[in-house]
Amino acid sequence: MPGREDLPSTLRRSPDKAQRTWEKTHDSAVETYGEGERSHRTAFAAVKHQFEKVGDHWEPKGRKGPSDRQAAGGGPERRAPTAGGVDANASKDHLMSVARKLDVPGRSSMTKPELVTAIEEANDRATRKARGD
């Protein structure tokens, strides 16, 4: 199965449901768009509707739906920065909980956008560490 072969390392450390979502969406996108970046973006978009990145893996979100402004608007013509798997649409309390889990320093005085950025940076560090980079 092509999706299984291309499965990113962060998803390999994630629940089976997240892996299956990525694989099925990726394989379908490859049939539509061909192999490449667009198929990967499409697969990650599907994952982000049900999961959020926490550290070096993906965890189920409390609700389904877009995780940031880019995911809500979508489309290949509208390229905007994403929150890197952080559920930017979550409540500040939820973001504080994730930041606490990731031991983000200074989290208690951060605004919601600052929390999103700090969580994204902590996730990137955790992923690099897990990959041995």
Protein backbone atom coordinates (compact mmCIF):
# COMPACT_ATOMS: atom_id res chain seq x y z
CA MET A 1 0.00 0.00 0.00
CA PRO A 2 1.66 3.27 -1.11
CA GLY A 3 0.29 5.32 1.82
CA ARG A 4 1.88 2.91 4.29
CA GLU A 5 5.26 3.33 2.60
CA ASP A 6 5.08 7.16 2.75
CA LEU A 7 3.73 7.33 6.30
CA PRO A 8 5.54 10.19 8.12
CA SER A 9 7.40 9.30 11.32
CA THR A 10 5.09 11.45 13.46
CA LEU A 11 2.17 9.31 12.31
CA ARG A 12 4.07 6.07 12.89
CA ARG A 13 4.11 7.07 16.58
CA SER A 14 0.38 7.89 16.54
CA PRO A 15 -2.86 5.93 17.00
CA ASP A 16 -3.89 3.44 14.31
CA LYS A 17 -6.90 5.60 13.38
CA ALA A 18 -4.62 8.55 12.53
CA GLN A 19 -2.43 6.25 10.43
CA ARG A 20 -5.43 4.79 8.58
CA THR A 21 -6.85 8.27 7.94
CA TRP A 22 -3.56 9.45 6.44
CA GLU A 23 -3.08 6.30 4.36
CA LYS A 24 -6.59 6.22 2.88
CA THR A 25 -6.61 9.94 2.11
CA HIS A 26 -3.08 9.82 0.67
CA ASP A 27 -3.89 6.88 -1.59
CA SER A 28 -7.06 8.56 -2.84
CA ALA A 29 -5.21 11.84 -3.41
CA VAL A 30 -2.49 10.02 -5.38
CA GLU A 31 -5.18 8.66 -7.71
CA THR A 32 -6.54 12.18 -8.17
CA TYR A 33 -3.43 14.38 -8.16
CA GLY A 34 -0.54 11.97 -8.59
CA GLU A 35 2.27 11.30 -6.12
CA GLY A 36 3.85 14.32 -4.49
CA GLU A 37 3.42 17.27 -2.17
CA ARG A 38 -0.26 17.86 -2.95
CA SER A 39 -1.16 14.29 -1.97
CA HIS A 40 0.76 14.66 1.29
CA ARG A 41 -0.89 18.02 2.10
CA THR A 42 -4.31 16.51 1.41
CA ALA A 43 -3.60 13.56 3.71
CA PHE A 44 -2.35 15.82 6.52
CA ALA A 45 -5.44 18.02 6.14
CA ALA A 46 -7.63 14.98 6.77
CA VAL A 47 -5.59 14.01 9.84
CA LYS A 48 -5.78 17.56 11.23
CA HIS A 49 -9.59 17.44 11.21
CA GLN A 50 -9.57 14.69 13.84
CA PHE A 51 -6.12 14.86 15.45
CA GLU A 52 -3.68 17.45 16.76
CA LYS A 53 0.08 17.22 16.95
CA VAL A 54 1.38 16.95 20.51
CA GLY A 55 5.12 16.61 20.71
CA ASP A 56 6.34 13.99 18.25
CA HIS A 57 2.98 12.33 17.53
CA TRP A 58 -0.72 12.99 16.85
CA GLU A 59 -3.49 12.70 19.46
CA PRO A 60 -7.28 12.75 18.99
CA LYS A 61 -8.88 16.18 19.28
CA GLY A 62 -11.88 16.71 21.49
CA ARG A 63 -13.89 17.73 18.44
CA LYS A 64 -13.73 17.24 14.69
CA GLY A 65 -13.12 20.14 12.35
CA PRO A 66 -10.48 22.45 10.94
CA SER A 67 -7.47 23.10 13.13
CA ASP A 68 -6.55 26.55 11.83
CA ARG A 69 -7.56 29.29 9.39
CA GLN A 70 -5.84 27.61 6.44
CA ALA A 71 -7.64 24.32 7.07
CA ALA A 72 -10.99 26.11 7.27
CA GLY A 73 -10.47 27.89 3.94
CA GLY A 74 -8.40 25.27 2.19
CA GLY A 75 -7.86 24.86 -1.51
CA PRO A 76 -4.64 24.82 -3.50
CA GLU A 77 -5.02 28.46 -4.58
CA ARG A 78 -5.14 29.75 -1.00
CA ARG A 79 -1.72 29.07 0.46
CA ALA A 80 -1.37 30.41 3.95
CA PRO A 81 0.77 29.30 6.87
CA THR A 82 -0.69 26.52 8.96
CA ALA A 83 -0.28 25.99 12.68
CA GLY A 84 1.78 22.86 12.05
CA GLY A 85 -0.77 20.45 13.47
CA VAL A 86 -1.58 22.58 16.53
CA ASP A 87 -5.33 22.94 17.00
CA ALA A 88 -5.31 26.75 16.82
CA ASN A 89 -9.12 26.77 16.97
CA ALA A 90 -9.13 25.05 20.38
CA SER A 91 -9.88 26.96 23.55
CA LYS A 92 -7.12 28.72 25.43
CA ASP A 93 -7.66 26.27 28.31
CA HIS A 94 -7.01 23.36 25.97
CA LEU A 95 -3.89 25.03 24.56
CA MET A 96 -2.66 25.64 28.11
CA SER A 97 -3.16 21.95 28.84
CA VAL A 98 -1.13 20.94 25.78
CA ALA A 99 1.58 23.50 26.66
CA ARG A 100 1.71 22.07 30.18
CA LYS A 101 2.09 18.54 28.78
CA LEU A 102 4.98 19.78 26.61
CA ASP A 103 6.46 21.79 29.50
CA VAL A 104 6.43 25.06 27.54
CA PRO A 105 8.15 27.70 29.70
CA GLY A 106 6.26 30.96 30.35
CA ARG A 107 2.94 29.49 29.22
CA SER A 108 0.92 31.07 32.04
CA SER A 109 1.49 34.58 30.70
CA MET A 110 1.05 33.78 26.99
CA THR A 111 -1.81 34.88 24.77
CA LYS A 112 -3.64 32.30 22.69
CA PRO A 113 -1.61 33.06 19.51
CA GLU A 114 1.61 32.90 21.54
CA LEU A 115 0.57 29.51 22.92
CA VAL A 116 -0.08 28.20 19.41
CA THR A 117 3.39 29.33 18.29
CA ALA A 118 5.10 27.96 21.42
CA ILE A 119 3.34 24.58 21.07
CA GLU A 120 4.28 24.41 17.40
CA GLU A 121 7.94 25.06 18.30
CA ALA A 122 7.84 22.47 21.11
CA ASN A 123 6.31 19.95 18.70
CA ASP A 124 9.06 20.61 16.17
CA ARG A 125 11.76 20.11 18.83
CA ALA A 126 10.17 16.86 19.99
CA THR A 127 9.90 15.58 16.43
CA ARG A 128 13.54 16.42 15.66
CA LYS A 129 14.61 14.66 18.87
CA ALA A 130 12.52 11.57 18.05
CA ARG A 131 14.05 11.42 14.57
CA GLY A 132 17.54 11.84 15.96
CA ASP A 133 18.13 15.12 14.10
